[in-house]
Protein backbone atom coordinates (compact mmCIF):
# COMPACT_ATOMS: atom_id res chain seq x y z
CA UNK A 1 18.26 26.57 59.73
CA UNK A 2 21.89 25.71 60.45
CA UNK A 3 23.50 27.22 63.51
CA UNK A 4 26.95 28.73 62.94
CA UNK A 5 28.49 26.76 65.81
CA UNK A 6 27.42 23.49 64.15
CA UNK A 7 28.80 21.47 61.27
CA UNK A 8 27.43 22.84 57.95
CA UNK A 9 26.22 19.38 56.89
CA UNK A 10 22.58 19.23 58.09
CA UNK A 11 22.72 15.42 58.37
CA UNK A 12 25.54 15.59 60.92
CA UNK A 13 24.63 17.68 63.93
CA UNK A 14 28.08 17.92 65.53
CA UNK A 15 29.49 21.07 67.11
CA UNK A 16 32.36 22.68 65.22
CA UNK A 17 34.14 23.17 68.55
CA UNK A 18 33.69 21.30 71.82
CA UNK A 19 33.26 17.74 73.01
CA UNK A 20 30.98 15.07 71.60
CA UNK A 21 29.73 12.07 73.58
CA UNK A 22 29.61 8.94 71.45
CA UNK A 23 30.01 5.18 71.39
CA UNK A 24 32.76 2.98 70.02
CA UNK A 25 31.89 1.45 66.63
CA UNK A 26 33.73 -1.82 67.34
CA UNK A 27 31.67 -4.89 68.20
CA UNK A 28 33.33 -5.92 71.44
CA UNK A 29 31.69 -6.63 74.80
CA UNK A 30 32.94 -3.44 76.51
CA UNK A 31 30.67 -1.08 74.52
CA UNK A 32 32.96 1.86 75.33
CA UNK A 33 31.72 5.40 75.68
CA UNK A 34 33.87 8.01 73.89
CA UNK A 35 34.49 11.70 74.42
CA UNK A 36 35.72 13.29 71.20
CA UNK A 37 37.19 16.78 71.24
CA UNK A 38 36.36 18.72 68.07
CA UNK A 39 38.02 21.89 66.77
CA UNK A 40 36.84 23.59 63.57
CA UNK A 41 34.72 20.52 62.78
CA UNK A 42 37.70 18.11 62.99
CA UNK A 43 38.21 15.51 65.72
CA UNK A 44 41.49 16.29 67.46
CA UNK A 45 41.30 13.90 70.43
CA UNK A 46 39.40 10.73 71.32
CA UNK A 47 39.33 9.57 74.92
CA UNK A 48 37.32 7.26 77.08
CA UNK A 49 34.41 8.55 79.12
CA UNK A 50 35.44 8.39 82.81
CA UNK A 51 31.77 8.08 83.76
CA UNK A 52 31.32 4.83 81.83
CA UNK A 53 30.69 2.04 84.37
CA UNK A 54 32.36 -0.83 82.46
CA UNK A 55 35.58 0.87 81.36
CA UNK A 56 35.92 3.95 83.62
CA UNK A 57 37.44 5.89 80.71
CA UNK A 58 39.95 3.28 79.51
CA UNK A 59 40.09 2.63 75.75
CA UNK A 60 41.80 -0.07 73.73
CA UNK A 61 44.85 0.86 71.63
CA UNK A 62 42.88 0.83 68.37
CA UNK A 63 40.30 3.35 69.51
CA UNK A 64 42.59 5.58 71.56
CA UNK A 65 44.60 6.33 68.37
CA UNK A 66 41.64 7.03 66.05
CA UNK A 67 42.57 10.63 65.30
CA UNK A 68 46.18 9.71 64.58
CA UNK A 69 45.15 6.97 62.13
CA UNK A 70 42.27 8.91 60.56
CA UNK A 71 44.32 11.98 59.69
CA UNK A 72 47.66 10.27 58.99
CA UNK A 73 49.19 11.54 55.71
CA UNK A 74 49.93 7.97 54.53
CA UNK A 75 46.41 6.67 55.16
CA UNK A 76 45.07 4.72 52.18
CA UNK A 77 41.99 6.60 50.95
CA UNK A 78 41.05 4.46 47.95
CA UNK A 79 41.59 0.86 46.89
CA UNK A 80 44.50 0.21 44.59
CA UNK A 81 43.19 -0.31 41.09
CA UNK A 82 44.16 -0.36 37.47
CA UNK A 83 47.42 1.44 36.81
CA UNK A 84 47.03 1.45 33.01
CA UNK A 85 44.04 1.35 30.66
CA UNK A 86 42.45 -2.11 30.38
CA UNK A 87 42.74 -1.91 26.61
CA UNK A 88 46.48 -2.42 27.05
CA UNK A 89 45.88 -5.65 28.94
CA UNK A 90 46.88 -4.30 32.34
CA UNK A 91 45.58 -6.07 35.38
CA UNK A 92 45.07 -4.71 38.84
CA UNK A 93 45.52 -5.99 42.34
CA UNK A 94 41.81 -5.49 43.06
CA UNK A 95 40.80 -7.35 39.88
CA UNK A 96 43.11 -10.22 40.82
CA UNK A 97 41.53 -10.39 44.25
CA UNK A 98 38.05 -10.49 42.70
CA UNK A 99 39.14 -13.36 40.43
CA UNK A 100 40.63 -15.29 43.36
CA UNK A 101 37.37 -14.93 45.31
CA UNK A 102 35.18 -16.19 42.46
CA UNK A 103 33.75 -19.64 43.13
CA UNK A 104 34.37 -22.32 40.51
CA UNK A 105 31.28 -22.92 38.40
CA UNK A 106 29.65 -19.69 39.57
């Protein structure tokens, strides 16, 4: 049963409103602890946990601006691809990158 104050996705048990204690996903030696404020199931603020012994609540610039970057209207949501049907001989930036990464003789 799904509680009304929780996210409707049963795989993600996050409150729709409140604060969530989490960890930074970056692989750096600080292993920062995060406090994320959630409203209506959307993260509205990410801050460092002042109780974390290594960082005392300080976050790097990348992580402290997560919500701004995640919900920015100009955020790229999909890779750039084919702009015209392949039958017309159009190429794409992603196809060109795949070709440039192919090893000779492979």
